[in-house]
Amino acid sequence: MIDELEKKLPIFKIIYETRETSAPITLRNIFIQKILGINRNAYWPMHFTSKAGPIENILIGIGTAPGLSRGCYIQAIGAIYIGNYTLIGPNVGIISADHDLYDHRAHACSAVRIGNYCWIGMNSMILPGIQLGDFTIVGAGSVVTRSFPEGYCVVAGNPAAKIKDLERNRCEIYHNKYEFIGYIKKDDFKNYREKNLNL
C-alpha cells in the first residue's frame, strides 16, 4: 500500500521516511506550511505557533527542526547554526541580535552556534553570541548568557551554569536511516543552501 502511494504521490515517501524521527514531516505540517502558508519559507517542519526568520540566516542539520514544538521564537537577524539531531523544546527562544542600547532601531548581531545532539529544554532562552558544544543539555527555563563550547554537559538556571558533566563514552551518536535536512534530502541540500541561504 505504501509503495503504491509513493508512486502516485511522492510526498508520502518523505512522510514515511521521517515518521520515526525527532523531526517528522506530517501531512499536517505540509498543509499548514505549504498550502496555508504559515511559516512557508522555512525549509523544515514547524508548528504554526512558532516563528523563525529570516530563514536565509538559519542553517540546521540532519534531523533538527527548531520550532517544531509550539511557541518557539527563532530570531535570526544574525546567523544561527544548529547541528545534527538537536532537539528544541516548546517555547524556546534563540536570538542572534540585540537592540542597541542608545538606538533601538539598530541591532548588534552575534552568531549563535548550537552543536550536534543537543537538547534545549522548554522555556529556555539562548542569547546572541552563544556557542554550545555537542551534547549540551539546557535545562527547562534556563537563560543561557555565556557559552559552553566544550559541550558534553548539562547547564541550567538564570543565568545558566554547568551543573553536570556528561560521560562522553555514554553519549549515543546515532543516524536516521533516511537523512533529511528539514524537507530536503541530505544529498540535495548543498544546492538548496547555495541558492537560498546566506550561510
Protein backbone atom coordinates (compact mmCIF):
# COMPACT_ATOMS: atom_id res chain seq x y z
CA MET A 1 0.00 0.00 0.00
CA ILE A 2 2.77 2.48 0.95
CA ASP A 3 4.70 1.66 -2.24
CA GLU A 4 1.62 2.46 -4.33
CA LEU A 5 1.06 5.77 -2.52
CA GLU A 6 4.72 6.72 -3.00
CA LYS A 7 4.46 6.12 -6.74
CA LYS A 8 1.27 8.17 -7.07
CA LEU A 9 2.14 10.91 -4.56
CA PRO A 10 5.89 11.26 -3.80
CA ILE A 11 5.08 13.36 -0.73
CA PHE A 12 4.05 10.17 1.06
CA LYS A 13 7.63 8.92 0.72
CA ILE A 14 9.06 11.75 2.83
CA ILE A 15 6.30 11.24 5.42
CA TYR A 16 7.12 7.53 5.61
CA GLU A 17 10.89 8.07 5.77
CA THR A 18 10.75 10.66 8.57
CA ARG A 19 7.89 9.18 10.61
CA GLU A 20 10.04 7.66 13.39
CA THR A 21 12.48 10.56 13.73
CA SER A 22 12.56 13.51 16.10
CA ALA A 23 11.77 15.82 13.17
CA PRO A 24 8.88 14.02 11.42
CA ILE A 25 7.22 15.53 8.38
CA THR A 26 3.46 15.08 8.51
CA LEU A 27 0.53 15.89 6.26
CA ARG A 28 -0.47 18.48 8.84
CA ASN A 29 2.93 20.25 8.58
CA ILE A 30 2.76 20.21 4.81
CA PHE A 31 -0.79 21.54 4.74
CA ILE A 32 -0.17 24.33 7.25
CA GLN A 33 3.19 25.42 5.81
CA LYS A 34 2.88 24.82 2.09
CA ILE A 35 -0.88 25.26 1.50
CA LEU A 36 -1.97 27.74 4.20
CA GLY A 37 1.40 29.48 4.07
CA ILE A 38 2.17 29.71 7.80
CA ASN A 39 5.97 29.50 8.09
CA ARG A 40 6.03 28.80 4.34
CA ASN A 41 9.63 29.94 3.88
CA ALA A 42 11.06 27.54 6.47
CA TYR A 43 12.78 24.60 4.83
CA TRP A 44 11.99 22.39 7.82
CA PRO A 45 8.69 21.42 9.54
CA MET A 46 7.45 23.97 12.09
CA HIS A 47 4.46 24.31 14.38
CA PHE A 48 2.08 27.07 13.32
CA THR A 49 2.55 28.90 16.66
CA SER A 50 6.33 29.13 16.25
CA LYS A 51 8.15 31.89 14.38
CA ALA A 52 11.57 31.89 12.71
CA GLY A 53 13.40 34.25 10.43
CA PRO A 54 14.95 35.50 8.38
CA ILE A 55 15.18 31.89 7.19
CA GLU A 56 18.21 32.59 4.98
CA ASN A 57 20.25 33.20 8.16
CA ILE A 58 19.41 29.84 9.76
CA LEU A 59 21.38 26.67 9.00
CA ILE A 60 20.10 23.45 10.55
CA GLY A 61 21.46 19.92 10.48
CA ILE A 62 20.04 16.48 9.85
CA GLY A 63 17.05 15.53 11.99
CA THR A 64 16.74 19.01 13.52
CA ALA A 65 13.61 21.18 13.38
CA PRO A 66 13.68 24.33 15.53
CA GLY A 67 10.12 25.46 16.10
CA LEU A 68 8.55 22.06 15.50
CA SER A 69 7.41 22.32 19.12
CA ARG A 70 4.85 25.01 19.79
CA GLY A 71 5.60 28.60 20.72
CA CYS A 72 9.26 28.89 19.71
CA TYR A 73 10.82 32.17 18.61
CA ILE A 74 13.97 31.95 16.48
CA GLN A 75 15.22 35.45 15.64
CA ALA A 76 17.99 35.24 13.05
CA ILE A 77 18.92 38.84 12.30
CA GLY A 78 22.42 37.43 12.82
CA ALA A 79 23.37 33.89 11.87
CA ILE A 80 22.06 30.81 13.70
CA TYR A 81 23.70 27.42 13.23
CA ILE A 82 22.07 24.33 14.76
CA GLY A 83 23.74 20.93 14.33
CA ASN A 84 22.51 17.44 13.59
CA TYR A 85 19.93 15.67 15.76
CA THR A 86 19.41 18.59 18.12
CA LEU A 87 16.08 18.82 19.96
CA ILE A 88 14.41 22.16 20.64
CA GLY A 89 11.60 22.10 23.24
CA PRO A 90 8.42 24.20 23.33
CA ASN A 91 8.57 27.97 23.90
CA VAL A 92 12.32 28.16 23.33
CA GLY A 93 13.80 31.47 22.23
CA ILE A 94 17.01 31.70 20.20
CA ILE A 95 18.12 35.21 19.28
CA SER A 96 21.20 36.33 17.38
CA ALA A 97 20.94 40.11 17.70
CA ASP A 98 20.38 42.68 20.43
CA HIS A 99 18.97 46.18 20.10
CA ASP A 100 21.48 48.97 20.51
CA LEU A 101 21.17 50.50 23.99
CA TYR A 102 21.03 54.04 22.59
CA ASP A 103 19.18 53.47 19.34
CA HIS A 104 16.59 50.69 19.44
CA ARG A 105 16.33 50.75 15.65
CA ALA A 106 19.88 49.42 15.34
CA HIS A 107 20.97 45.84 16.00
CA ALA A 108 24.22 44.30 17.19
CA CYS A 109 24.41 40.84 15.58
CA SER A 110 26.34 37.93 17.01
CA ALA A 111 26.02 34.38 15.66
CA VAL A 112 24.57 31.56 17.75
CA ARG A 113 26.09 28.11 17.30
CA ILE A 114 24.44 25.02 18.78
CA GLY A 115 26.19 21.69 18.25
CA ASN A 116 25.09 18.17 17.40
CA TYR A 117 22.92 16.04 19.68
CA CYS A 118 21.99 18.95 21.92
CA TRP A 119 18.71 19.26 23.79
CA ILE A 120 17.28 22.68 24.58
CA GLY A 121 14.61 22.37 27.28
CA MET A 122 11.20 24.04 27.37
CA ASN A 123 11.02 27.80 28.00
CA SER A 124 14.77 28.29 27.62
CA MET A 125 16.38 31.34 26.04
CA ILE A 126 19.65 31.28 24.07
CA LEU A 127 21.12 34.78 23.76
CA PRO A 128 23.29 36.28 20.96
CA GLY A 129 26.86 35.06 20.57
CA ILE A 130 26.32 31.80 22.46
CA GLN A 131 28.15 28.64 21.45
CA LEU A 132 27.01 25.28 22.80
CA GLY A 133 29.19 22.27 22.00
CA ASP A 134 27.92 18.81 21.07
CA PHE A 135 25.74 17.02 23.63
CA THR A 136 24.88 20.15 25.61
CA ILE A 137 21.61 19.83 27.51
CA VAL A 138 19.93 23.08 28.54
CA GLY A 139 17.54 22.63 31.46
CA ALA A 140 13.97 23.89 31.17
CA GLY A 141 13.51 27.60 31.84
CA SER A 142 17.20 28.44 31.55
CA VAL A 143 18.63 31.69 30.22
CA VAL A 144 21.94 30.97 28.50
CA THR A 145 24.07 34.10 28.75
CA ARG A 146 27.52 32.52 28.24
CA SER A 147 28.95 29.83 26.01
CA PHE A 148 29.73 26.20 26.82
CA PRO A 149 31.76 25.29 23.72
CA GLU A 150 33.19 22.13 25.30
CA GLY A 151 29.73 20.53 25.31
CA TYR A 152 29.02 17.17 26.96
CA CYS A 153 27.32 18.85 29.87
CA VAL A 154 24.04 19.90 31.46
CA VAL A 155 23.51 23.61 32.05
CA ALA A 156 20.59 25.17 33.89
CA GLY A 157 19.41 28.30 35.67
CA ASN A 158 19.26 32.04 35.09
CA PRO A 159 21.96 32.75 34.18
CA ALA A 160 22.71 29.17 33.10
CA ALA A 161 25.64 27.45 34.79
CA LYS A 162 27.08 24.00 34.34
CA ILE A 163 25.50 21.56 36.77
CA LYS A 164 26.82 18.26 35.40
CA ASP A 165 29.43 16.87 33.04
CA LEU A 166 28.28 14.01 30.83
CA GLU A 167 30.30 10.83 30.44
CA ARG A 168 31.40 11.02 26.80
CA ASN A 169 31.54 7.26 26.34
CA ARG A 170 27.83 7.04 27.24
CA CYS A 171 26.68 9.66 24.73
CA GLU A 172 24.98 7.89 21.83
CA ILE A 173 25.87 9.00 18.32
CA TYR A 174 23.07 7.81 16.06
CA HIS A 175 21.89 8.43 12.50
CA ASN A 176 18.46 8.31 10.91
CA LYS A 177 18.06 5.63 8.25
CA TYR A 178 16.90 8.32 5.81
CA GLU A 179 18.75 11.60 6.26
CA PHE A 180 16.84 14.82 5.71
CA ILE A 181 17.69 18.42 6.48
CA GLY A 182 14.16 19.63 7.03
CA TYR A 183 12.14 18.81 3.92
CA ILE A 184 15.29 18.29 1.83
CA LYS A 185 17.25 15.08 1.34
CA LYS A 186 20.78 15.48 2.68
CA ASP A 187 22.30 14.82 -0.76
CA ASP A 188 20.25 17.67 -2.29
CA PHE A 189 20.86 20.20 0.45
CA LYS A 190 24.12 21.69 -0.90
CA ASN A 191 22.29 23.05 -3.95
CA TYR A 192 19.45 24.41 -1.80
CA ARG A 193 21.92 26.10 0.54
CA GLU A 194 23.87 27.76 -2.26
CA LYS A 195 20.70 29.20 -3.80
CA ASN A 196 18.73 30.16 -0.70
CA LEU A 197 20.88 30.67 2.40
CA ASN A 198 23.40 33.33 3.42
CA LEU A 199 25.45 30.80 5.42
